[in-house]
PDB file of N, CA and C in Angstrom:
ATOM      1  N   MET A   1     -50.459  21.016  19.557  1.00  0.00           N
ATOM      2  CA  MET A   1     -50.559  20.146  18.392  1.00  0.00           C
ATOM      3  C   MET A   1     -50.937  21.035  17.363  1.00  0.00           C
ATOM      4  N   ASP A   2     -50.126  20.066  16.022  1.00  0.00           N
ATOM      5  CA  ASP A   2     -50.558  20.671  15.145  1.00  0.00           C
ATOM      6  C   ASP A   2     -50.119  19.880  13.633  1.00  0.00           C
ATOM      7  N   ASP A   3     -50.802  19.103  13.504  1.00  0.00           N
ATOM      8  CA  ASP A   3     -51.335  18.236  12.497  1.00  0.00           C
ATOM      9  C   ASP A   3     -50.885  18.709  10.975  1.00  0.00           C
ATOM     10  N   ASN A   4     -50.180  19.894  10.909  1.00  0.00           N
ATOM     11  CA  ASN A   4     -49.608  20.049   9.420  1.00  0.00           C
ATOM     12  C   ASN A   4     -50.859  21.010   8.421  1.00  0.00           C
ATOM     13  N   ALA A   5     -52.370  20.636   9.239  1.00  0.00           N
ATOM     14  CA  ALA A   5     -52.915  21.261   8.283  1.00  0.00           C
ATOM     15  C   ALA A   5     -52.802  22.817   7.817  1.00  0.00           C
ATOM     16  N   ARG A   6     -52.897  23.301   6.375  1.00  0.00           N
ATOM     17  CA  ARG A   6     -53.072  24.531   5.672  1.00  0.00           C
ATOM     18  C   ARG A   6     -53.317  25.126   6.353  1.00  0.00           C
ATOM     19  N   PRO A   7     -55.037  25.472   7.243  1.00  0.00           N
ATOM     20  CA  PRO A   7     -54.877  26.419   8.298  1.00  0.00           C
ATOM     21  C   PRO A   7     -54.283  26.590   9.846  1.00  0.00           C
ATOM     22  N   HIS A   8     -53.768  26.035   9.609  1.00  0.00           N
ATOM     23  CA  HIS A   8     -53.078  25.844  10.445  1.00  0.00           C
ATOM     24  C   HIS A   8     -51.174  26.297  10.516  1.00  0.00           C
ATOM     25  N   ARG A   9     -50.236  26.467   9.199  1.00  0.00           N
ATOM     26  CA  ARG A   9     -49.571  27.179   8.848  1.00  0.00           C
ATOM     27  C   ARG A   9     -49.949  28.104   8.068  1.00  0.00           C
ATOM     28  N   THR A  10     -50.713  29.137   7.962  1.00  0.00           N
ATOM     29  CA  THR A  10     -50.777  30.578   7.482  1.00  0.00           C
ATOM     30  C   THR A  10     -50.268  31.629   8.071  1.00  0.00           C
ATOM     31  N   LEU A  11     -49.979  32.690   7.678  1.00  0.00           N
ATOM     32  CA  LEU A  11     -48.543  33.869   8.499  1.00  0.00           C
ATOM     33  C   LEU A  11     -49.425  34.096   9.787  1.00  0.00           C
ATOM     34  N   ALA A  12     -50.869  34.027   9.581  1.00  0.00           N
ATOM     35  CA  ALA A  12     -51.671  34.824  10.680  1.00  0.00           C
ATOM     36  C   ALA A  12     -51.442  34.256  12.095  1.00  0.00           C
ATOM     37  N   VAL A  13     -51.658  32.509  11.647  1.00  0.00           N
ATOM     38  CA  VAL A  13     -51.150  31.899  12.797  1.00  0.00           C
ATOM     39  C   VAL A  13     -49.631  31.624  13.226  1.00  0.00           C
ATOM     40  N   GLU A  14     -48.701  32.090  12.005  1.00  0.00           N
ATOM     41  CA  GLU A  14     -47.375  31.573  12.851  1.00  0.00           C
ATOM     42  C   GLU A  14     -47.191  32.646  13.084  1.00  0.00           C
ATOM     43  N   GLU A  15     -47.582  34.017  13.140  1.00  0.00           N
ATOM     44  CA  GLU A  15     -47.162  35.208  14.148  1.00  0.00           C
ATOM     45  C   GLU A  15     -47.976  35.790  15.687  1.00  0.00           C
ATOM     46  N   LEU A  16     -49.365  35.035  15.282  1.00  0.00           N
ATOM     47  CA  LEU A  16     -49.015  34.952  16.169  1.00  0.00           C
ATOM     48  C   LEU A  16     -48.634  34.383  17.519  1.00  0.00           C
ATOM     49  N   LEU A  17     -48.210  32.942  17.155  1.00  0.00           N
ATOM     50  CA  LEU A  17     -47.721  31.567  17.920  1.00  0.00           C
ATOM     51  C   LEU A  17     -46.635  32.082  18.482  1.00  0.00           C
ATOM     52  N   GLU A  18     -45.572  33.110  17.601  1.00  0.00           N
ATOM     53  CA  GLU A  18     -44.106  33.371  17.849  1.00  0.00           C
ATOM     54  C   GLU A  18     -44.848  34.596  19.100  1.00  0.00           C
ATOM     55  N   SER A  19     -45.570  36.019  18.750  1.00  0.00           N
ATOM     56  CA  SER A  19     -45.689  36.765  19.104  1.00  0.00           C
ATOM     57  C   SER A  19     -46.597  36.227  20.683  1.00  0.00           C
ATOM     58  N   GLU A  20     -47.334  35.392  21.214  1.00  0.00           N
ATOM     59  CA  GLU A  20     -47.179  34.730  22.541  1.00  0.00           C
ATOM     60  C   GLU A  20     -46.347  33.562  22.748  1.00  0.00           C
ATOM     61  N   ASP A  21     -45.464  33.509  22.543  1.00  0.00           N
ATOM     62  CA  ASP A  21     -44.383  32.678  22.319  1.00  0.00           C
ATOM     63  C   ASP A  21     -44.698  31.058  22.483  1.00  0.00           C
ATOM     64  N   ILE A  22     -45.185  31.016  21.818  1.00  0.00           N
ATOM     65  CA  ILE A  22     -46.309  29.271  21.739  1.00  0.00           C
ATOM     66  C   ILE A  22     -45.004  28.519  20.946  1.00  0.00           C
ATOM     67  N   THR A  23     -44.471  27.727  21.019  1.00  0.00           N
ATOM     68  CA  THR A  23     -43.928  26.747  20.498  1.00  0.00           C
ATOM     69  C   THR A  23     -44.966  25.676  19.954  1.00  0.00           C
ATOM     70  N   ARG A  24     -45.163  25.119  18.515  1.00  0.00           N
ATOM     71  CA  ARG A  24     -45.556  24.241  17.843  1.00  0.00           C
ATOM     72  C   ARG A  24     -44.939  23.315  17.917  1.00  0.00           C
ATOM     73  N   MET A  25     -45.510  21.700  18.449  1.00  0.00           N
ATOM     74  CA  MET A  25     -45.477  20.596  18.900  1.00  0.00           C
ATOM     75  C   MET A  25     -46.062  20.107  17.254  1.00  0.00           C
ATOM     76  N   ASP A  26     -45.333  19.516  16.646  1.00  0.00           N
ATOM     77  CA  ASP A  26     -45.874  18.388  15.298  1.00  0.00           C
ATOM     78  C   ASP A  26     -46.659  17.345  15.551  1.00  0.00           C
ATOM     79  N   TRP A  27     -47.240  17.012  14.865  1.00  0.00           N
ATOM     80  CA  TRP A  27     -48.254  15.988  15.000  1.00  0.00           C
ATOM     81  C   TRP A  27     -48.538  15.084  13.999  1.00  0.00           C
ATOM     82  N   PRO A  28     -48.162  13.632  14.154  1.00  0.00           N
ATOM     83  CA  PRO A  28     -48.391  13.444  12.423  1.00  0.00           C
ATOM     84  C   PRO A  28     -49.310  13.325  11.959  1.00  0.00           C
ATOM     85  N   ALA A  29     -49.301  13.470  10.329  1.00  0.00           N
ATOM     86  CA  ALA A  29     -50.655  13.979   9.616  1.00  0.00           C
ATOM     87  C   ALA A  29     -51.826  13.158  10.084  1.00  0.00           C
ATOM     88  N   TYR A  30     -50.826  11.928  10.205  1.00  0.00           N
ATOM     89  CA  TYR A  30     -52.471  10.358  10.561  1.00  0.00           C
ATOM     90  C   TYR A  30     -52.106   9.959  11.825  1.00  0.00           C
ATOM     91  N   SER A  31     -52.120  10.045  12.372  1.00  0.00           N
ATOM     92  CA  SER A  31     -52.337   9.330  13.684  1.00  0.00           C
ATOM     93  C   SER A  31     -53.491   8.570  14.627  1.00  0.00           C
ATOM     94  N   PRO A  32     -54.155   7.748  14.053  1.00  0.00           N
ATOM     95  CA  PRO A  32     -55.493   7.531  15.006  1.00  0.00           C
ATOM     96  C   PRO A  32     -55.270   7.128  16.380  1.00  0.00           C
ATOM     97  N   ASP A  33     -53.835   6.590  16.889  1.00  0.00           N
ATOM     98  CA  ASP A  33     -53.709   6.159  17.550  1.00  0.00           C
ATOM     99  C   ASP A  33     -53.765   7.467  19.154  1.00  0.00           C
ATOM    100  N   LEU A  34     -53.683   8.703  18.287  1.00  0.00           N
ATOM    101  CA  LEU A  34     -53.887   9.857  19.121  1.00  0.00           C
ATOM    102  C   LEU A  34     -54.893  10.437  18.881  1.00  0.00           C
ATOM    103  N   ASN A  35     -56.031   9.699  19.043  1.00  0.00           N
ATOM    104  CA  ASN A  35     -57.501  10.534  18.491  1.00  0.00           C
ATOM    105  C   ASN A  35     -58.019   9.760  18.227  1.00  0.00           C
ATOM    106  N   PRO A  36     -59.193  10.128  20.038  1.00  0.00           N
ATOM    107  CA  PRO A  36     -59.061   8.995  20.529  1.00  0.00           C
ATOM    108  C   PRO A  36     -60.807   8.275  20.170  1.00  0.00           C
ATOM    109  N   ILE A  37     -61.292   9.596  19.255  1.00  0.00           N
ATOM    110  CA  ILE A  37     -62.799   9.011  18.508  1.00  0.00           C
ATOM    111  C   ILE A  37     -62.555   8.194  17.636  1.00  0.00           C
ATOM    112  N   GLU A  38     -60.953   7.424  17.364  1.00  0.00           N
ATOM    113  CA  GLU A  38     -60.668   6.408  16.350  1.00  0.00           C
ATOM    114  C   GLU A  38     -61.294   5.038  16.975  1.00  0.00           C
ATOM    115  N   HIS A  39     -60.666   5.294  18.081  1.00  0.00           N
ATOM    116  CA  HIS A  39     -61.061   4.236  19.278  1.00  0.00           C
ATOM    117  C   HIS A  39     -62.559   3.550  19.030  1.00  0.00           C
ATOM    118  N   VAL A  40     -63.139   4.828  19.278  1.00  0.00           N
ATOM    119  CA  VAL A  40     -64.728   4.704  19.221  1.00  0.00           C
ATOM    120  C   VAL A  40     -65.141   4.245  17.908  1.00  0.00           C
ATOM    121  N   TRP A  41     -64.569   4.530  16.913  1.00  0.00           N
ATOM    122  CA  TRP A  41     -64.722   3.853  15.424  1.00  0.00           C
ATOM    123  C   TRP A  41     -64.985   2.816  15.248  1.00  0.00           C
ATOM    124  N   ASP A  42     -63.522   2.054  15.667  1.00  0.00           N
ATOM    125  CA  ASP A  42     -63.322   0.814  15.403  1.00  0.00           C
ATOM    126  C   ASP A  42     -63.801   0.206  16.443  1.00  0.00           C
ATOM    127  N   ALA A  43     -64.168   0.209  17.969  1.00  0.00           N
ATOM    128  CA  ALA A  43     -65.433  -0.248  18.235  1.00  0.00           C
ATOM    129  C   ALA A  43     -66.860  -0.458  17.936  1.00  0.00           C
ATOM    130  N   LEU A  44     -67.053   0.132  17.386  1.00  0.00           N
ATOM    131  CA  LEU A  44     -68.415  -0.293  16.550  1.00  0.00           C
ATOM    132  C   LEU A  44     -68.579  -0.658  15.324  1.00  0.00           C
ATOM    133  N   GLY A  45     -67.386  -0.609  14.370  1.00  0.00           N
ATOM    134  CA  GLY A  45     -66.822  -1.353  13.291  1.00  0.00           C
ATOM    135  C   GLY A  45     -66.600  -3.107  14.091  1.00  0.00           C
ATOM    136  N   ARG A  46     -66.059  -3.169  15.308  1.00  0.00           N
ATOM    137  CA  ARG A  46     -65.956  -4.997  15.307  1.00  0.00           C
ATOM    138  C   ARG A  46     -67.331  -4.503  15.599  1.00  0.00           C
ATOM    139  N   ARG A  47     -68.183  -3.857  16.081  1.00  0.00           N
ATOM    140  CA  ARG A  47     -69.575  -4.865  16.723  1.00  0.00           C
ATOM    141  C   ARG A  47     -69.959  -5.061  15.865  1.00  0.00           C
ATOM    142  N   ILE A  48     -70.413  -3.944  14.722  1.00  0.00           N
ATOM    143  CA  ILE A  48     -71.128  -4.206  13.008  1.00  0.00           C
ATOM    144  C   ILE A  48     -70.518  -5.915  12.403  1.00  0.00           C
ATOM    145  N   ALA A  49     -69.189  -6.149  12.765  1.00  0.00           N
ATOM    146  CA  ALA A  49     -68.777  -7.073  12.087  1.00  0.00           C
ATOM    147  C   ALA A  49     -68.903  -8.171  12.194  1.00  0.00           C
ATOM    148  N   ALA A  50     -69.426  -8.401  14.168  1.00  0.00           N
ATOM    149  CA  ALA A  50     -69.303  -9.673  14.457  1.00  0.00           C
ATOM    150  C   ALA A  50     -71.053 -10.081  14.375  1.00  0.00           C
ATOM    151  N   ARG A  51     -72.216  -9.160  13.944  1.00  0.00           N
ATOM    152  CA  ARG A  51     -73.056  -9.982  13.711  1.00  0.00           C
ATOM    153  C   ARG A  51     -73.235 -10.769  12.377  1.00  0.00           C
ATOM    154  N   LEU A  52     -74.128 -11.359  13.343  1.00  0.00           N
ATOM    155  CA  LEU A  52     -74.600 -12.750  11.988  1.00  0.00           C
ATOM    156  C   LEU A  52     -75.380 -12.068  10.842  1.00  0.00           C
ATOM    157  N   HIS A  53     -76.124 -10.790  11.278  1.00  0.00           N
ATOM    158  CA  HIS A  53     -77.060 -10.556  10.370  1.00  0.00           C
ATOM    159  C   HIS A  53     -76.269  -8.969  10.195  1.00  0.00           C
ATOM    160  N   HIS A  54     -75.735  -8.258   9.120  1.00  0.00           N
ATOM    161  CA  HIS A  54     -75.580  -7.484   9.176  1.00  0.00           C
ATOM    162  C   HIS A  54     -76.636  -6.159   8.004  1.00  0.00           C
ATOM    163  N   PRO A  55     -76.522  -4.988   8.193  1.00  0.00           N
ATOM    164  CA  PRO A  55     -77.931  -4.084   8.244  1.00  0.00           C
ATOM    165  C   PRO A  55     -77.657  -4.087   6.201  1.00  0.00           C
ATOM    166  N   GLU A  56     -78.721  -3.721   5.949  1.00  0.00           N
ATOM    167  CA  GLU A  56     -79.472  -3.516   4.890  1.00  0.00           C
ATOM    168  C   GLU A  56     -79.386  -2.149   4.279  1.00  0.00           C
ATOM    169  N   ASN A  57     -79.500  -1.670   5.598  1.00  0.00           N
ATOM    170  CA  ASN A  57     -80.304  -0.151   5.272  1.00  0.00           C
ATOM    171  C   ASN A  57     -79.558   0.587   6.357  1.00  0.00           C
ATOM    172  N   THR A  58     -79.459   1.652   6.250  1.00  0.00           N
ATOM    173  CA  THR A  58     -79.300   2.697   7.499  1.00  0.00           C
ATOM    174  C   THR A  58     -80.788   2.598   8.688  1.00  0.00           C
ATOM    175  N   GLN A  59     -81.322   2.582   8.066  1.00  0.00           N
ATOM    176  CA  GLN A  59     -83.158   2.429   9.860  1.00  0.00           C
ATOM    177  C   GLN A  59     -82.341   0.890  10.690  1.00  0.00           C
ATOM    178  N   GLN A  60     -81.846   0.018   9.747  1.00  0.00           N
ATOM    179  CA  GLN A  60     -81.371  -1.467  10.247  1.00  0.00           C
ATOM    180  C   GLN A  60     -80.123  -0.835  11.277  1.00  0.00           C
ATOM    181  N   LEU A  61     -79.442  -0.358  10.512  1.00  0.00           N
ATOM    182  CA  LEU A  61     -77.900  -0.068  11.284  1.00  0.00           C
ATOM    183  C   LEU A  61     -77.601   1.084  12.403  1.00  0.00           C
ATOM    184  N   LYS A  62     -79.265   1.840  11.871  1.00  0.00           N
ATOM    185  CA  LYS A  62     -79.225   2.792  13.602  1.00  0.00           C
ATOM    186  C   LYS A  62     -79.908   2.127  14.615  1.00  0.00           C
ATOM    187  N   GLN A  63     -81.211   0.230  14.247  1.00  0.00           N
ATOM    188  CA  GLN A  63     -81.953  -0.193  15.329  1.00  0.00           C
ATOM    189  C   GLN A  63     -80.553  -0.931  15.766  1.00  0.00           C
ATOM    190  N   MET A  64     -79.673  -1.315  15.188  1.00  0.00           N
ATOM    191  CA  MET A  64     -78.640  -2.660  15.081  1.00  0.00           C
ATOM    192  C   MET A  64     -77.830  -1.546  16.272  1.00  0.00           C
ATOM    193  N   LEU A  65     -76.988  -0.463  16.044  1.00  0.00           N
ATOM    194  CA  LEU A  65     -76.243   0.564  16.974  1.00  0.00           C
ATOM    195  C   LEU A  65     -77.363   1.043  18.337  1.00  0.00           C
ATOM    196  N   THR A  66     -78.363   0.930  18.595  1.00  0.00           N
ATOM    197  CA  THR A  66     -78.946   1.651  19.759  1.00  0.00           C
ATOM    198  C   THR A  66     -79.368   0.290  21.004  1.00  0.00           C
TER     199      THR A  66
END
C-alpha cells in the first residue's frame, strides 16, 4: 500500500519496486478507516468527552486514562 508520501515516490523506490516486480497499490492520503490506531484515538476521545470533569493538566489526564 502506498499513501503517496514523497519518500515513497523517490526514483530509488520506483526502481526497487520495478526490479522486484512489485505492483504499487494506491492508498488515499487520509483514510482513517484503514488505519487501526485511529479507532484507538477515537475511543480515547469519546472516553474523555464522556467524563463530567475534564482534566486541567497532563497529570490529571494521565490519571484519567489509567
